[in-house]
Amino acid sequence: MRHRKSGRKLNRTSSHRQALFRNQLQQLIEHERICTTEAKAKELRRFADKIITLAKRDDLHARRQAFAFLRNKKATTKLFEDLAKRFGDRTSGYTHIYKYKHRRGDGAPLALIEFVKQEGK
């Protein structure tokens, strides 16, 4: 039984999964929109919301925690300088997932995941 076990395995080892979401989160922060499969997008949303909430604290410990996960100085800087300020008044729900199309090779459902645009800005 899998009671109280959250998250999708995505047919990968835990280290492969962690590297996958680390890379996808770096790209999401850099480009603010990426296309991936629906399952990966839904799982990536958890990581993105946690790291934005961490960035909103904006102290040295939060920066070090974010860098420890992202391992990318450029992404960490953009996270704290741009995205944390953009979502300052928002408590959660920093991303949108849009169902996109099916992948041509294997028919996997694709989705766009992007950061929410602020209204009136």
Protein backbone atom coordinates (compact mmCIF):
# COMPACT_ATOMS: atom_id res chain seq x y z
CA MET A 1 0.00 0.00 0.00
CA ARG A 2 1.23 3.50 -0.72
CA HIS A 3 -0.56 5.46 1.98
CA ARG A 4 0.89 8.93 2.69
CA LYS A 5 3.51 8.68 -0.06
CA SER A 6 3.36 11.86 -2.10
CA GLY A 7 4.90 12.56 -5.48
CA ARG A 8 5.24 10.71 -8.73
CA LYS A 9 8.14 8.35 -9.41
CA LEU A 10 8.09 8.93 -13.20
CA ASN A 11 9.92 5.60 -13.69
CA ARG A 12 13.22 7.13 -12.51
CA THR A 13 15.57 6.67 -9.59
CA SER A 14 15.42 9.29 -6.86
CA SER A 15 18.71 10.93 -7.91
CA HIS A 16 17.60 11.07 -11.56
CA ARG A 17 14.26 12.55 -10.52
CA GLN A 18 15.94 15.18 -8.35
CA ALA A 19 18.29 16.16 -11.20
CA LEU A 20 15.37 16.31 -13.62
CA PHE A 21 13.36 18.70 -11.44
CA ARG A 22 16.43 20.76 -10.59
CA ASN A 23 17.11 21.29 -14.32
CA GLN A 24 13.46 21.95 -15.15
CA LEU A 25 13.15 24.47 -12.32
CA GLN A 26 16.27 26.29 -13.53
CA GLN A 27 14.81 26.53 -17.02
CA LEU A 28 11.41 27.62 -15.71
CA ILE A 29 13.02 30.42 -13.70
CA GLU A 30 15.19 31.49 -16.63
CA HIS A 31 12.55 31.38 -19.39
CA GLU A 32 9.40 31.72 -17.22
CA ARG A 33 7.63 29.15 -19.44
CA ILE A 34 8.53 25.61 -20.48
CA CYS A 35 6.81 22.77 -22.30
CA THR A 36 6.94 19.30 -20.73
CA THR A 37 4.65 16.34 -20.10
CA GLU A 38 1.59 16.85 -17.91
CA ALA A 39 2.85 14.59 -15.13
CA LYS A 40 6.21 16.36 -14.95
CA ALA A 41 4.53 19.78 -15.02
CA LYS A 42 2.19 18.88 -12.16
CA GLU A 43 5.11 17.62 -10.10
CA LEU A 44 7.32 20.61 -11.01
CA ARG A 45 4.60 22.95 -9.73
CA ARG A 46 5.28 21.68 -6.18
CA PHE A 47 8.97 22.56 -6.41
CA ALA A 48 8.32 25.95 -8.01
CA ASP A 49 5.82 27.01 -5.36
CA LYS A 50 8.16 25.98 -2.55
CA ILE A 51 11.16 27.81 -3.96
CA ILE A 52 9.21 31.04 -4.63
CA THR A 53 7.87 30.99 -1.07
CA LEU A 54 11.45 30.51 0.12
CA ALA A 55 12.64 33.43 -2.03
CA LYS A 56 10.00 35.73 -0.56
CA ARG A 57 11.75 35.44 2.84
CA ASP A 58 14.79 37.15 1.23
CA ASP A 59 17.41 36.48 3.87
CA LEU A 60 20.84 34.91 3.60
CA HIS A 61 19.73 31.50 4.80
CA ALA A 62 16.93 31.40 2.22
CA ARG A 63 19.38 32.34 -0.54
CA ARG A 64 21.73 29.57 0.51
CA GLN A 65 18.91 27.03 0.64
CA ALA A 66 17.69 28.05 -2.82
CA PHE A 67 21.21 27.88 -4.26
CA ALA A 68 21.75 24.48 -2.65
CA PHE A 69 18.78 23.15 -4.61
CA LEU A 70 19.20 25.07 -7.88
CA ARG A 71 23.03 25.07 -8.08
CA ASN A 72 22.83 27.95 -10.55
CA LYS A 73 23.86 31.46 -9.55
CA LYS A 74 22.00 33.16 -12.43
CA ALA A 75 18.71 31.38 -11.65
CA THR A 76 19.05 32.08 -7.92
CA THR A 77 19.68 35.78 -8.56
CA LYS A 78 16.68 36.08 -10.87
CA LEU A 79 14.55 34.19 -8.35
CA PHE A 80 15.32 36.63 -5.54
CA GLU A 81 15.63 39.87 -7.54
CA ASP A 82 12.72 39.51 -9.96
CA LEU A 83 10.28 36.71 -9.11
CA ALA A 84 10.13 37.17 -5.34
CA LYS A 85 9.28 40.85 -5.77
CA ARG A 86 6.69 40.07 -8.47
CA PHE A 87 4.84 37.65 -6.18
CA GLY A 88 5.29 39.65 -2.98
CA ASP A 89 1.58 40.07 -2.26
CA ARG A 90 0.55 36.60 -3.48
CA THR A 91 0.38 33.76 -0.95
CA SER A 92 0.39 30.77 -3.31
CA GLY A 93 -0.45 29.62 -6.83
CA TYR A 94 2.55 31.06 -8.64
CA THR A 95 2.26 28.83 -11.72
CA HIS A 96 -0.31 27.96 -14.37
CA ILE A 97 -0.43 24.68 -16.26
CA TYR A 98 -2.08 24.64 -19.68
CA LYS A 99 -2.74 21.39 -21.51
CA TYR A 100 -1.02 21.80 -24.85
CA LYS A 101 -1.07 18.87 -27.29
CA HIS A 102 0.13 15.28 -27.64
CA ARG A 103 3.73 14.47 -28.46
CA ARG A 104 4.15 13.13 -31.96
CA GLY A 105 6.44 10.21 -31.16
CA ASP A 106 4.63 8.47 -28.34
CA GLY A 107 1.41 10.41 -27.90
CA ALA A 108 2.29 11.64 -24.41
CA PRO A 109 0.13 14.59 -23.29
CA LEU A 110 2.20 17.78 -23.19
CA ALA A 111 1.58 20.85 -21.07
CA LEU A 112 2.91 24.39 -20.78
CA ILE A 113 3.87 25.50 -17.30
CA GLU A 114 4.48 29.19 -16.73
CA PHE A 115 4.57 31.75 -13.97
CA VAL A 116 1.36 33.69 -13.40
CA LYS A 117 1.25 37.16 -14.92
CA GLN A 118 0.38 39.93 -12.51
CA GLU A 119 -2.86 41.72 -13.34
CA GLY A 120 -2.50 45.39 -14.27
CA LYS A 121 1.28 45.24 -14.73
